[in-house]
C-alpha cells in the first residue's frame, strides 16, 4: 500500500512539474508570426533587401517520435516573409527523392543586396 501511495504522489509531482515547465517554456513574441507548415519549395523573394533585420533567437522545440521509417526531422526555423520573420514549427517529412538533403533557408547575395531563399530539399 505504501508503494502505491508513493507512486501516485510521485506521478502527481511529475505531472505538476511537467505542466509548469510546459507553461514556462512557451515563448510568444509580438513581432514574430508562428505557422505550422512552411512552403517547402525553393522560393526567392523578388524584394532585394540591402540590410535584412537579424533573425530572432530560435524557439526551443521537442523532437517528437518519428511517424515511421524513411522520415527525416526538419528543425523548426524562421523564414523571411517579405517584411517580418515567421517561425515554422519543426516536423517530420519524407525526403523529396532518395539521397535528398534538407537545406535551411538563408540569404543569397543578389543585385546589390540580399534575397531570402526558403528551406528546400536538394
PDB file of N, CA and C in Angstrom:
ATOM      1  N   UNK A   1       0.814  -1.193   0.000  1.00  0.00           N
ATOM      2  CA  UNK A   1       0.000   0.000   0.000  1.00  0.00           C
ATOM      3  C   UNK A   1       0.858   1.258   0.000  1.00  0.00           C
ATOM      4  N   UNK A   2       1.972   1.212   0.709  1.00  0.00           N
ATOM      5  CA  UNK A   2       2.860   2.375   0.755  1.00  0.00           C
ATOM      6  C   UNK A   2       3.449   2.642  -0.623  1.00  0.00           C
ATOM      7  N   UNK A   3       3.820   1.599  -1.339  1.00  0.00           N
ATOM      8  CA  UNK A   3       4.382   1.743  -2.678  1.00  0.00           C
ATOM      9  C   UNK A   3       3.388   2.424  -3.612  1.00  0.00           C
ATOM     10  N   UNK A   4       2.114   2.022  -3.569  1.00  0.00           N
ATOM     11  CA  UNK A   4       1.077   2.612  -4.419  1.00  0.00           C
ATOM     12  C   UNK A   4       0.907   4.089  -4.100  1.00  0.00           C
ATOM     13  N   UNK A   5       0.866   4.465  -2.821  1.00  0.00           N
ATOM     14  CA  UNK A   5       0.715   5.868  -2.426  1.00  0.00           C
ATOM     15  C   UNK A   5       1.908   6.685  -2.874  1.00  0.00           C
ATOM     16  N   UNK A   6       3.124   6.151  -2.698  1.00  0.00           N
ATOM     17  CA  UNK A   6       4.327   6.863  -3.129  1.00  0.00           C
ATOM     18  C   UNK A   6       4.335   7.024  -4.644  1.00  0.00           C
ATOM     19  N   UNK A   7       3.923   5.991  -5.363  1.00  0.00           N
ATOM     20  CA  UNK A   7       3.888   6.053  -6.830  1.00  0.00           C
ATOM     21  C   UNK A   7       2.912   7.114  -7.299  1.00  0.00           C
ATOM     22  N   UNK A   8       1.714   7.146  -6.702  1.00  0.00           N
ATOM     23  CA  UNK A   8       0.724   8.162  -7.072  1.00  0.00           C
ATOM     24  C   UNK A   8       1.230   9.566  -6.762  1.00  0.00           C
ATOM     25  N   UNK A   9       1.839   9.726  -5.574  1.00  0.00           N
ATOM     26  CA  UNK A   9       2.368  11.038  -5.172  1.00  0.00           C
ATOM     27  C   UNK A   9       3.470  11.487  -6.121  1.00  0.00           C
ATOM     28  N   UNK A  10       4.357  10.560  -6.481  1.00  0.00           N
ATOM     29  CA  UNK A  10       5.446  10.881  -7.405  1.00  0.00           C
ATOM     30  C   UNK A  10       4.885  11.236  -8.784  1.00  0.00           C
ATOM     31  N   UNK A  11       3.877  10.475  -9.225  1.00  0.00           N
ATOM     32  CA  UNK A  11       3.234  10.746 -10.516  1.00  0.00           C
ATOM     33  C   UNK A  11       2.604  12.122 -10.547  1.00  0.00           C
ATOM     34  N   UNK A  12       1.925  12.507  -9.478  1.00  0.00           N
ATOM     35  CA  UNK A  12       1.320  13.852  -9.400  1.00  0.00           C
ATOM     36  C   UNK A  12       2.394  14.931  -9.428  1.00  0.00           C
ATOM     37  N   UNK A  13       3.484  14.687  -8.704  1.00  0.00           N
ATOM     38  CA  UNK A  13       4.583  15.654  -8.680  1.00  0.00           C
ATOM     39  C   UNK A  13       5.151  15.845 -10.080  1.00  0.00           C
ATOM     40  N   UNK A  14       5.359  14.743 -10.802  1.00  0.00           N
ATOM     41  CA  UNK A  14       5.858  14.835 -12.179  1.00  0.00           C
ATOM     42  C   UNK A  14       4.875  15.579 -13.076  1.00  0.00           C
ATOM     43  N   UNK A  15       3.589  15.315 -12.902  1.00  0.00           N
ATOM     44  CA  UNK A  15       2.570  15.977 -13.711  1.00  0.00           C
ATOM     45  C   UNK A  15       2.576  17.481 -13.466  1.00  0.00           C
ATOM     46  N   UNK A  16       2.634  17.890 -12.204  1.00  0.00           N
ATOM     47  CA  UNK A  16       2.661  19.319 -11.867  1.00  0.00           C
ATOM     48  C   UNK A  16       3.940  19.966 -12.387  1.00  0.00           C
ATOM     49  N   UNK A  17       5.084  19.314 -12.189  1.00  0.00           N
ATOM     50  CA  UNK A  17       6.361  19.871 -12.658  1.00  0.00           C
ATOM     51  C   UNK A  17       6.389  19.971 -14.173  1.00  0.00           C
ATOM     52  N   UNK A  18       5.910  18.932 -14.857  1.00  0.00           N
ATOM     53  CA  UNK A  18       5.873  18.944 -16.322  1.00  0.00           C
ATOM     54  C   UNK A  18       4.963  20.027 -16.850  1.00  0.00           C
ATOM     55  N   UNK A  19       3.813  20.225 -16.214  1.00  0.00           N
ATOM     56  CA  UNK A  19       2.887  21.288 -16.632  1.00  0.00           C
ATOM     57  C   UNK A  19       3.520  22.657 -16.449  1.00  0.00           C
ATOM     58  N   UNK A  20       4.199  22.848 -15.325  1.00  0.00           N
ATOM     59  CA  UNK A  20       4.859  24.135 -15.077  1.00  0.00           C
ATOM     60  C   UNK A  20       5.935  24.397 -16.119  1.00  0.00           C
ATOM     61  N   UNK A  21       6.731  23.386 -16.452  1.00  0.00           N
ATOM     62  CA  UNK A  21       7.768  23.557 -17.467  1.00  0.00           C
ATOM     63  C   UNK A  21       7.160  23.858 -18.826  1.00  0.00           C
ATOM     64  N   UNK A  22       6.061  23.212 -19.150  1.00  0.00           N
ATOM     65  CA  UNK A  22       5.413  23.456 -20.439  1.00  0.00           C
ATOM     66  C   UNK A  22       4.930  24.894 -20.536  1.00  0.00           C
ATOM     67  N   UNK A  23       4.365  25.399 -19.447  1.00  0.00           N
ATOM     68  CA  UNK A  23       3.874  26.787 -19.453  1.00  0.00           C
ATOM     69  C   UNK A  23       5.033  27.764 -19.521  1.00  0.00           C
ATOM     70  N   UNK A  24       6.074  27.534 -18.717  1.00  0.00           N
ATOM     71  CA  UNK A  24       7.229  28.430 -18.716  1.00  0.00           C
ATOM     72  C   UNK A  24       7.961  28.366 -20.047  1.00  0.00           C
ATOM     73  N   UNK A  25       8.012  27.182 -20.670  1.00  0.00           N
ATOM     74  CA  UNK A  25       8.738  27.002 -21.918  1.00  0.00           C
ATOM     75  C   UNK A  25       8.063  27.622 -23.125  1.00  0.00           C
ATOM     76  N   UNK A  26       6.802  27.998 -23.004  1.00  0.00           N
ATOM     77  CA  UNK A  26       6.112  28.615 -24.136  1.00  0.00           C
ATOM     78  C   UNK A  26       6.654  30.015 -24.367  1.00  0.00           C
ATOM     79  N   UNK A  27       6.954  30.315 -25.594  1.00  0.00           N
ATOM     80  CA  UNK A  27       7.509  31.620 -25.935  1.00  0.00           C
ATOM     81  C   UNK A  27       6.575  32.290 -26.927  1.00  0.00           C
ATOM     82  N   UNK A  28       6.299  33.539 -26.701  1.00  0.00           N
ATOM     83  CA  UNK A  28       5.477  34.290 -27.653  1.00  0.00           C
ATOM     84  C   UNK A  28       6.154  35.626 -27.891  1.00  0.00           C
ATOM     85  N   UNK A  29       6.285  35.990 -29.138  1.00  0.00           N
ATOM     86  CA  UNK A  29       6.866  37.278 -29.490  1.00  0.00           C
ATOM     87  C   UNK A  29       5.849  38.014 -30.334  1.00  0.00           C
ATOM     88  N   UNK A  30       5.660  39.279 -30.060  1.00  0.00           N
ATOM     89  CA  UNK A  30       4.677  40.067 -30.807  1.00  0.00           C
ATOM     90  C   UNK A  30       5.141  40.353 -32.232  1.00  0.00           C
ATOM     91  N   UNK A  31       6.457  40.400 -32.462  1.00  0.00           N
ATOM     92  CA  UNK A  31       6.962  40.757 -33.782  1.00  0.00           C
ATOM     93  C   UNK A  31       7.235  39.544 -34.665  1.00  0.00           C
ATOM     94  N   UNK A  32       6.842  38.359 -34.209  1.00  0.00           N
ATOM     95  CA  UNK A  32       7.072  37.140 -34.976  1.00  0.00           C
ATOM     96  C   UNK A  32       5.747  36.401 -35.126  1.00  0.00           C
ATOM     97  N   UNK A  33       5.484  35.901 -36.303  1.00  0.00           N
ATOM     98  CA  UNK A  33       4.288  35.116 -36.570  1.00  0.00           C
ATOM     99  C   UNK A  33       4.677  33.646 -36.529  1.00  0.00           C
ATOM    100  N   UNK A  34       3.858  32.817 -35.909  1.00  0.00           N
ATOM    101  CA  UNK A  34       4.124  31.392 -35.822  1.00  0.00           C
ATOM    102  C   UNK A  34       3.175  30.644 -36.750  1.00  0.00           C
ATOM    103  N   UNK A  35       3.710  29.754 -37.563  1.00  0.00           N
ATOM    104  CA  UNK A  35       2.909  28.969 -38.506  1.00  0.00           C
ATOM    105  C   UNK A  35       3.256  27.495 -38.328  1.00  0.00           C
ATOM    106  N   UNK A  36       2.343  26.620 -38.755  1.00  0.00           N
ATOM    107  CA  UNK A  36       2.586  25.181 -38.627  1.00  0.00           C
ATOM    108  C   UNK A  36       3.442  24.614 -39.748  1.00  0.00           C
ATOM    109  N   UNK A  37       3.169  24.981 -40.972  1.00  0.00           N
ATOM    110  CA  UNK A  37       3.884  24.371 -42.088  1.00  0.00           C
ATOM    111  C   UNK A  37       4.362  25.415 -43.075  1.00  0.00           C
ATOM    112  N   UNK A  38       5.676  25.484 -43.292  1.00  0.00           N
ATOM    113  CA  UNK A  38       6.199  26.446 -44.257  1.00  0.00           C
ATOM    114  C   UNK A  38       6.010  25.942 -45.683  1.00  0.00           C
ATOM    115  N   UNK A  39       6.060  26.860 -46.627  1.00  0.00           N
ATOM    116  CA  UNK A  39       6.081  26.392 -48.005  1.00  0.00           C
ATOM    117  C   UNK A  39       7.421  25.705 -48.220  1.00  0.00           C
ATOM    118  N   UNK A  40       7.435  24.473 -48.652  1.00  0.00           N
ATOM    119  CA  UNK A  40       8.676  23.715 -48.754  1.00  0.00           C
ATOM    120  C   UNK A  40       9.132  23.594 -50.194  1.00  0.00           C
ATOM    121  N   UNK A  41       9.117  24.694 -50.905  1.00  0.00           N
ATOM    122  CA  UNK A  41       9.660  24.740 -52.254  1.00  0.00           C
ATOM    123  C   UNK A  41      10.663  25.866 -52.295  1.00  0.00           C
ATOM    124  N   UNK A  42      11.524  25.863 -53.278  1.00  0.00           N
ATOM    125  CA  UNK A  42      12.501  26.941 -53.395  1.00  0.00           C
ATOM    126  C   UNK A  42      11.759  28.181 -53.857  1.00  0.00           C
ATOM    127  N   UNK A  43      11.763  29.167 -52.995  1.00  0.00           N
ATOM    128  CA  UNK A  43      11.090  30.419 -53.325  1.00  0.00           C
ATOM    129  C   UNK A  43      12.036  31.538 -52.945  1.00  0.00           C
ATOM    130  N   UNK A  44      12.362  32.371 -53.878  1.00  0.00           N
ATOM    131  CA  UNK A  44      13.176  33.524 -53.521  1.00  0.00           C
ATOM    132  C   UNK A  44      12.304  34.752 -53.662  1.00  0.00           C
ATOM    133  N   UNK A  45      12.409  35.601 -52.699  1.00  0.00           N
ATOM    134  CA  UNK A  45      11.626  36.823 -52.705  1.00  0.00           C
ATOM    135  C   UNK A  45      12.128  37.733 -53.822  1.00  0.00           C
ATOM    136  N   UNK A  46      11.223  38.415 -54.462  1.00  0.00           N
ATOM    137  CA  UNK A  46      11.608  39.362 -55.505  1.00  0.00           C
ATOM    138  C   UNK A  46      12.149  40.653 -54.891  1.00  0.00           C
ATOM    139  N   UNK A  47      11.922  40.818 -53.597  1.00  0.00           N
ATOM    140  CA  UNK A  47      12.363  42.028 -52.916  1.00  0.00           C
ATOM    141  C   UNK A  47      13.821  41.887 -52.522  1.00  0.00           C
ATOM    142  N   UNK A  48      14.636  42.817 -52.949  1.00  0.00           N
ATOM    143  CA  UNK A  48      16.043  42.826 -52.572  1.00  0.00           C
ATOM    144  C   UNK A  48      16.183  43.723 -51.355  1.00  0.00           C
ATOM    145  N   UNK A  49      16.776  43.193 -50.310  1.00  0.00           N
ATOM    146  CA  UNK A  49      16.952  43.944 -49.067  1.00  0.00           C
ATOM    147  C   UNK A  49      18.427  44.233 -48.908  1.00  0.00           C
ATOM    148  N   UNK A  50      18.743  45.504 -48.690  1.00  0.00           N
ATOM    149  CA  UNK A  50      20.146  45.881 -48.555  1.00  0.00           C
ATOM    150  C   UNK A  50      20.713  45.336 -47.250  1.00  0.00           C
ATOM    151  N   UNK A  51      20.030  45.527 -46.144  1.00  0.00           N
ATOM    152  CA  UNK A  51      20.494  45.009 -44.854  1.00  0.00           C
ATOM    153  C   UNK A  51      19.302  44.423 -44.111  1.00  0.00           C
ATOM    154  N   UNK A  52      19.103  43.103 -44.194  1.00  0.00           N
ATOM    155  CA  UNK A  52      17.954  42.481 -43.529  1.00  0.00           C
ATOM    156  C   UNK A  52      18.067  42.558 -42.013  1.00  0.00           C
ATOM    157  N   UNK A  53      16.925  42.579 -41.320  1.00  0.00           N
ATOM    158  CA  UNK A  53      16.974  42.592 -39.860  1.00  0.00           C
ATOM    159  C   UNK A  53      17.499  41.258 -39.342  1.00  0.00           C
ATOM    160  N   UNK A  54      18.116  41.249 -38.168  1.00  0.00           N
ATOM    161  CA  UNK A  54      18.656  39.991 -37.645  1.00  0.00           C
ATOM    162  C   UNK A  54      17.537  38.993 -37.355  1.00  0.00           C
ATOM    163  N   UNK A  55      17.860  37.719 -37.539  1.00  0.00           N
ATOM    164  CA  UNK A  55      16.914  36.649 -37.248  1.00  0.00           C
ATOM    165  C   UNK A  55      16.759  36.545 -35.730  1.00  0.00           C
ATOM    166  N   UNK A  56      15.520  36.410 -35.220  1.00  0.00           N
ATOM    167  CA  UNK A  56      15.330  36.240 -33.775  1.00  0.00           C
ATOM    168  C   UNK A  56      15.956  34.932 -33.289  1.00  0.00           C
ATOM    169  N   UNK A  57      16.084  34.811 -31.981  1.00  0.00           N
ATOM    170  CA  UNK A  57      16.621  33.577 -31.395  1.00  0.00           C
ATOM    171  C   UNK A  57      15.683  32.416 -31.705  1.00  0.00           C
ATOM    172  N   UNK A  58      16.220  31.230 -31.987  1.00  0.00           N
ATOM    173  CA  UNK A  58      15.357  30.096 -32.308  1.00  0.00           C
ATOM    174  C   UNK A  58      14.470  29.700 -31.132  1.00  0.00           C
ATOM    175  N   UNK A  59      13.329  29.135 -31.438  1.00  0.00           N
ATOM    176  CA  UNK A  59      12.405  28.627 -30.437  1.00  0.00           C
ATOM    177  C   UNK A  59      12.839  27.202 -30.106  1.00  0.00           C
ATOM    178  N   UNK A  60      12.897  26.881 -28.827  1.00  0.00           N
ATOM    179  CA  UNK A  60      13.287  25.532 -28.417  1.00  0.00           C
ATOM    180  C   UNK A  60      12.090  24.608 -28.623  1.00  0.00           C
ATOM    181  N   UNK A  61      12.314  23.520 -29.344  1.00  0.00           N
ATOM    182  CA  UNK A  61      11.250  22.564 -29.631  1.00  0.00           C
ATOM    183  C   UNK A  61      11.662  21.164 -29.207  1.00  0.00           C
ATOM    184  N   UNK A  62      10.668  20.325 -28.967  1.00  0.00           N
ATOM    185  CA  UNK A  62      10.909  18.923 -28.638  1.00  0.00           C
ATOM    186  C   UNK A  62      10.724  18.108 -29.907  1.00  0.00           C
ATOM    187  N   UNK A  63      11.694  17.270 -30.205  1.00  0.00           N
ATOM    188  CA  UNK A  63      11.589  16.386 -31.370  1.00  0.00           C
ATOM    189  C   UNK A  63      10.675  15.232 -30.975  1.00  0.00           C
ATOM    190  N   UNK A  64       9.592  15.068 -31.702  1.00  0.00           N
ATOM    191  CA  UNK A  64       8.629  14.009 -31.406  1.00  0.00           C
ATOM    192  C   UNK A  64       9.097  12.690 -32.014  1.00  0.00           C
ATOM    193  N   UNK A  65       8.371  11.626 -31.747  1.00  0.00           N
ATOM    194  CA  UNK A  65       8.703  10.308 -32.279  1.00  0.00           C
ATOM    195  C   UNK A  65       8.391  10.277 -33.776  1.00  0.00           C
ATOM    196  N   UNK A  66       9.281   9.679 -34.534  1.00  0.00           N
ATOM    197  CA  UNK A  66       9.097   9.569 -35.983  1.00  0.00           C
ATOM    198  C   UNK A  66       7.808   8.803 -36.302  1.00  0.00           C
ATOM    199  N   UNK A  67       7.057   9.278 -37.299  1.00  0.00           N
ATOM    200  CA  UNK A  67       5.834   8.572 -37.665  1.00  0.00           C
ATOM    201  C   UNK A  67       6.096   7.247 -38.388  1.00  0.00           C
ATOM    202  N   UNK A  68       7.336   7.004 -38.801  1.00  0.00           N
ATOM    203  CA  UNK A  68       7.639   5.743 -39.458  1.00  0.00           C
ATOM    204  C   UNK A  68       8.990   5.767 -40.136  1.00  0.00           C
ATOM    205  N   UNK A  69       9.374   4.654 -40.741  1.00  0.00           N
ATOM    206  CA  UNK A  69      10.655   4.584 -41.435  1.00  0.00           C
ATOM    207  C   UNK A  69      10.693   5.540 -42.626  1.00  0.00           C
ATOM    208  N   UNK A  70      11.867   6.072 -42.897  1.00  0.00           N
ATOM    209  CA  UNK A  70      12.037   6.930 -44.059  1.00  0.00           C
ATOM    210  C   UNK A  70      11.719   8.395 -43.813  1.00  0.00           C
ATOM    211  N   UNK A  71      11.350   8.758 -42.573  1.00  0.00           N
ATOM    212  CA  UNK A  71      11.056  10.160 -42.266  1.00  0.00           C
ATOM    213  C   UNK A  71      12.305  10.850 -41.741  1.00  0.00           C
ATOM    214  N   UNK A  72      12.389  12.135 -41.965  1.00  0.00           N
ATOM    215  CA  UNK A  72      13.532  12.962 -41.580  1.00  0.00           C
ATOM    216  C   UNK A  72      12.990  14.145 -40.771  1.00  0.00           C
ATOM    217  N   UNK A  73      13.615  14.443 -39.624  1.00  0.00           N
ATOM    218  CA  UNK A  73      13.172  15.574 -38.806  1.00  0.00           C
ATOM    219  C   UNK A  73      13.715  16.873 -39.398  1.00  0.00           C
ATOM    220  N   UNK A  74      12.825  17.809 -39.689  1.00  0.00           N
ATOM    221  CA  UNK A  74      13.211  19.139 -40.155  1.00  0.00           C
ATOM    222  C   UNK A  74      13.017  20.084 -38.982  1.00  0.00           C
ATOM    223  N   UNK A  75      14.123  20.655 -38.487  1.00  0.00           N
ATOM    224  CA  UNK A  75      14.042  21.559 -37.346  1.00  0.00           C
ATOM    225  C   UNK A  75      13.135  22.740 -37.655  1.00  0.00           C
ATOM    226  N   UNK A  76      12.501  23.260 -36.610  1.00  0.00           N
ATOM    227  CA  UNK A  76      11.744  24.493 -36.760  1.00  0.00           C
ATOM    228  C   UNK A  76      12.702  25.601 -37.180  1.00  0.00           C
ATOM    229  N   UNK A  77      12.193  26.571 -37.910  1.00  0.00           N
ATOM    230  CA  UNK A  77      13.079  27.626 -38.396  1.00  0.00           C
ATOM    231  C   UNK A  77      12.286  28.888 -38.709  1.00  0.00           C
ATOM    232  N   UNK A  78      13.011  29.974 -38.787  1.00  0.00           N
ATOM    233  CA  UNK A  78      12.417  31.229 -39.239  1.00  0.00           C
ATOM    234  C   UNK A  78      12.538  31.311 -40.747  1.00  0.00           C
ATOM    235  N   UNK A  79      11.532  31.850 -41.376  1.00  0.00           N
ATOM    236  CA  UNK A  79      11.556  32.140 -42.809  1.00  0.00           C
ATOM    237  C   UNK A  79      11.222  33.619 -42.947  1.00  0.00           C
ATOM    238  N   UNK A  80      11.874  34.284 -43.854  1.00  0.00           N
ATOM    239  CA  UNK A  80      11.600  35.695 -44.111  1.00  0.00           C
ATOM    240  C   UNK A  80      10.338  35.786 -44.961  1.00  0.00           C
ATOM    241  N   UNK A  81       9.343  36.525 -44.494  1.00  0.00           N
ATOM    242  CA  UNK A  81       8.049  36.620 -45.186  1.00  0.00           C
ATOM    243  C   UNK A  81       7.825  38.040 -45.698  1.00  0.00           C
ATOM    244  N   UNK A  82       8.780  38.578 -46.418  1.00  0.00           N
ATOM    245  CA  UNK A  82       8.623  39.884 -47.062  1.00  0.00           C
ATOM    246  C   UNK A  82       8.868  41.083 -46.179  1.00  0.00           C
ATOM    247  N   UNK A  83       8.343  41.065 -44.956  1.00  0.00           N
ATOM    248  CA  UNK A  83       8.524  42.210 -44.070  1.00  0.00           C
ATOM    249  C   UNK A  83       8.736  41.800 -42.619  1.00  0.00           C
ATOM    250  N   UNK A  84       8.743  40.492 -42.358  1.00  0.00           N
ATOM    251  CA  UNK A  84       8.902  40.028 -40.972  1.00  0.00           C
ATOM    252  C   UNK A  84       9.357  38.574 -40.978  1.00  0.00           C
ATOM    253  N   UNK A  85       9.863  38.131 -39.840  1.00  0.00           N
ATOM    254  CA  UNK A  85      10.242  36.738 -39.655  1.00  0.00           C
ATOM    255  C   UNK A  85       9.016  35.944 -39.242  1.00  0.00           C
ATOM    256  N   UNK A  86       8.860  34.737 -39.801  1.00  0.00           N
ATOM    257  CA  UNK A  86       7.778  33.821 -39.445  1.00  0.00           C
ATOM    258  C   UNK A  86       8.420  32.526 -38.969  1.00  0.00           C
ATOM    259  N   UNK A  87       8.013  32.048 -37.788  1.00  0.00           N
ATOM    260  CA  UNK A  87       8.548  30.798 -37.248  1.00  0.00           C
ATOM    261  C   UNK A  87       7.682  29.643 -37.735  1.00  0.00           C
ATOM    262  N   UNK A  88       8.318  28.619 -38.306  1.00  0.00           N
ATOM    263  CA  UNK A  88       7.643  27.396 -38.726  1.00  0.00           C
ATOM    264  C   UNK A  88       8.106  26.277 -37.816  1.00  0.00           C
ATOM    265  N   UNK A  89       7.163  25.605 -37.191  1.00  0.00           N
ATOM    266  CA  UNK A  89       7.491  24.544 -36.246  1.00  0.00           C
ATOM    267  C   UNK A  89       8.174  23.367 -36.959  1.00  0.00           C
ATOM    268  N   UNK A  90       9.047  22.690 -36.211  1.00  0.00           N
ATOM    269  CA  UNK A  90       9.703  21.502 -36.743  1.00  0.00           C
ATOM    270  C   UNK A  90       8.686  20.402 -36.999  1.00  0.00           C
ATOM    271  N   UNK A  91       9.026  19.529 -37.922  1.00  0.00           N
ATOM    272  CA  UNK A  91       8.113  18.443 -38.263  1.00  0.00           C
ATOM    273  C   UNK A  91       8.861  17.319 -38.978  1.00  0.00           C
ATOM    274  N   UNK A  92       8.213  16.160 -39.043  1.00  0.00           N
ATOM    275  CA  UNK A  92       8.750  15.016 -39.767  1.00  0.00           C
ATOM    276  C   UNK A  92       8.293  15.092 -41.220  1.00  0.00           C
ATOM    277  N   UNK A  93       9.178  14.767 -42.141  1.00  0.00           N
ATOM    278  CA  UNK A  93       8.830  14.753 -43.567  1.00  0.00           C
ATOM    279  C   UNK A  93       9.650  13.679 -44.270  1.00  0.00           C
ATOM    280  N   UNK A  94       9.122  13.218 -45.373  1.00  0.00           N
ATOM    281  CA  UNK A  94       9.877  12.279 -46.198  1.00  0.00           C
ATOM    282  C   UNK A  94      10.694  13.087 -47.197  1.00  0.00           C
ATOM    283  N   UNK A  95      11.945  12.693 -47.431  1.00  0.00           N
ATOM    284  CA  UNK A  95      12.754  13.412 -48.420  1.00  0.00           C
ATOM    285  C   UNK A  95      12.070  13.415 -49.787  1.00  0.00           C
ATOM    286  N   UNK A  96      12.323  14.462 -50.548  1.00  0.00           N
ATOM    287  CA  UNK A  96      11.701  14.630 -51.863  1.00  0.00           C
ATOM    288  C   UNK A  96      12.119  13.531 -52.844  1.00  0.00           C
ATOM    289  N   UNK A  97      13.323  13.008 -52.678  1.00  0.00           N
ATOM    290  CA  UNK A  97      13.817  11.924 -53.539  1.00  0.00           C
ATOM    291  C   UNK A  97      14.936  11.211 -52.789  1.00  0.00           C
ATOM    292  N   UNK A  98      15.284   9.981 -53.183  1.00  0.00           N
ATOM    293  CA  UNK A  98      16.363   9.257 -52.494  1.00  0.00           C
ATOM    294  C   UNK A  98      17.654  10.072 -52.476  1.00  0.00           C
ATOM    295  N   UNK A  99      18.284  10.149 -51.327  1.00  0.00           N
ATOM    296  CA  UNK A  99      19.543  10.882 -51.194  1.00  0.00           C
ATOM    297  C   UNK A  99      19.371  12.381 -51.006  1.00  0.00           C
ATOM    298  N   UNK A 100      18.119  12.861 -50.908  1.00  0.00           N
ATOM    299  CA  UNK A 100      17.871  14.298 -50.751  1.00  0.00           C
ATOM    300  C   UNK A 100      18.400  14.788 -49.407  1.00  0.00           C
ATOM    301  N   UNK A 101      18.839  16.023 -49.373  1.00  0.00           N
ATOM    302  CA  UNK A 101      19.350  16.670 -48.173  1.00  0.00           C
ATOM    303  C   UNK A 101      18.538  17.940 -47.956  1.00  0.00           C
ATOM    304  N   UNK A 102      18.120  18.197 -46.700  1.00  0.00           N
ATOM    305  CA  UNK A 102      17.375  19.410 -46.390  1.00  0.00           C
ATOM    306  C   UNK A 102      18.335  20.586 -46.261  1.00  0.00           C
ATOM    307  N   UNK A 103      18.038  21.672 -46.964  1.00  0.00           N
ATOM    308  CA  UNK A 103      18.840  22.897 -46.906  1.00  0.00           C
ATOM    309  C   UNK A 103      17.986  23.968 -46.243  1.00  0.00           C
ATOM    310  N   UNK A 104      18.468  24.503 -45.130  1.00  0.00           N
ATOM    311  CA  UNK A 104      17.719  25.548 -44.417  1.00  0.00           C
ATOM    312  C   UNK A 104      17.663  26.822 -45.239  1.00  0.00           C
ATOM    313  N   UNK A 105      16.639  27.628 -44.994  1.00  0.00           N
ATOM    314  CA  UNK A 105      16.529  28.911 -45.672  1.00  0.00           C
ATOM    315  C   UNK A 105      17.694  29.824 -45.316  1.00  0.00           C
ATOM    316  N   UNK A 106      18.069  30.698 -46.235  1.00  0.00           N
ATOM    317  CA  UNK A 106      19.196  31.594 -45.993  1.00  0.00           C
ATOM    318  C   UNK A 106      19.147  32.761 -46.983  1.00  0.00           C
ATOM    319  N   UNK A 107      19.907  33.786 -46.671  1.00  0.00           N
ATOM    320  CA  UNK A 107      20.011  34.943 -47.560  1.00  0.00           C
ATOM    321  C   UNK A 107      21.009  34.649 -48.668  1.00  0.00           C
ATOM    322  N   UNK A 108      20.680  35.057 -49.903  1.00  0.00           N
ATOM    323  CA  UNK A 108      21.578  34.929 -51.044  1.00  0.00           C
ATOM    324  C   UNK A 108      21.913  36.340 -51.525  1.00  0.00           C
ATOM    325  N   UNK A 109      23.190  36.595 -51.760  1.00  0.00           N
ATOM    326  CA  UNK A 109      23.612  37.902 -52.269  1.00  0.00           C
ATOM    327  C   UNK A 109      23.195  38.018 -53.730  1.00  0.00           C
ATOM    328  N   UNK A 110      22.479  39.083 -54.042  1.00  0.00           N
ATOM    329  CA  UNK A 110      21.979  39.255 -55.402  1.00  0.00           C
ATOM    330  C   UNK A 110      21.623  40.719 -55.648  1.00  0.00           C
ATOM    331  N   UNK A 111      21.971  41.236 -56.803  1.00  0.00           N
ATOM    332  CA  UNK A 111      21.607  42.588 -57.245  1.00  0.00           C
ATOM    333  C   UNK A 111      21.889  43.685 -56.203  1.00  0.00           C
ATOM    334  N   UNK A 112      23.054  43.638 -55.616  1.00  0.00           N
ATOM    335  CA  UNK A 112      23.448  44.687 -54.671  1.00  0.00           C
ATOM    336  C   UNK A 112      22.779  44.591 -53.311  1.00  0.00           C
ATOM    337  N   UNK A 113      22.160  43.479 -53.002  1.00  0.00           N
ATOM    338  CA  UNK A 113      21.506  43.294 -51.709  1.00  0.00           C
ATOM    339  C   UNK A 113      21.404  41.820 -51.389  1.00  0.00           C
ATOM    340  N   UNK A 114      20.391  41.460 -50.604  1.00  0.00           N
ATOM    341  CA  UNK A 114      20.184  40.067 -50.224  1.00  0.00           C
ATOM    342  C   UNK A 114      18.752  39.672 -50.527  1.00  0.00           C
ATOM    343  N   UNK A 115      18.578  38.428 -50.990  1.00  0.00           N
ATOM    344  CA  UNK A 115      17.268  37.862 -51.289  1.00  0.00           C
ATOM    345  C   UNK A 115      17.124  36.592 -50.461  1.00  0.00           C
ATOM    346  N   UNK A 116      15.956  36.412 -49.810  1.00  0.00           N
ATOM    347  CA  UNK A 116      15.714  35.222 -48.986  1.00  0.00           C
ATOM    348  C   UNK A 116      15.340  34.035 -49.864  1.00  0.00           C
ATOM    349  N   UNK A 117      15.990  32.901 -49.617  1.00  0.00           N
ATOM    350  CA  UNK A 117      15.664  31.649 -50.297  1.00  0.00           C
ATOM    351  C   UNK A 117      15.165  30.690 -49.214  1.00  0.00           C
ATOM    352  N   UNK A 118      13.924  30.209 -49.331  1.00  0.00           N
ATOM    353  CA  UNK A 118      13.312  29.335 -48.326  1.00  0.00           C
ATOM    354  C   UNK A 118      14.017  27.993 -48.254  1.00  0.00           C
ATOM    355  N   UNK A 119      13.830  27.306 -47.117  1.00  0.00           N
ATOM    356  CA  UNK A 119      14.364  25.965 -46.958  1.00  0.00           C
ATOM    357  C   UNK A 119      13.773  25.039 -48.020  1.00  0.00           C
ATOM    358  N   UNK A 120      14.574  24.048 -48.441  1.00  0.00           N
ATOM    359  CA  UNK A 120      14.135  23.162 -49.511  1.00  0.00           C
ATOM    360  C   UNK A 120      14.969  21.883 -49.538  1.00  0.00           C
ATOM    361  N   UNK A 121      14.465  20.872 -50.246  1.00  0.00           N
ATOM    362  CA  UNK A 121      15.210  19.631 -50.461  1.00  0.00           C
ATOM    363  C   UNK A 121      16.155  19.811 -51.642  1.00  0.00           C
ATOM    364  N   UNK A 122      17.376  19.310 -51.505  1.00  0.00           N
ATOM    365  CA  UNK A 122      18.336  19.366 -52.598  1.00  0.00           C
ATOM    366  C   UNK A 122      18.799  17.966 -52.916  1.00  0.00           C
TER     367      UNK A 122
END
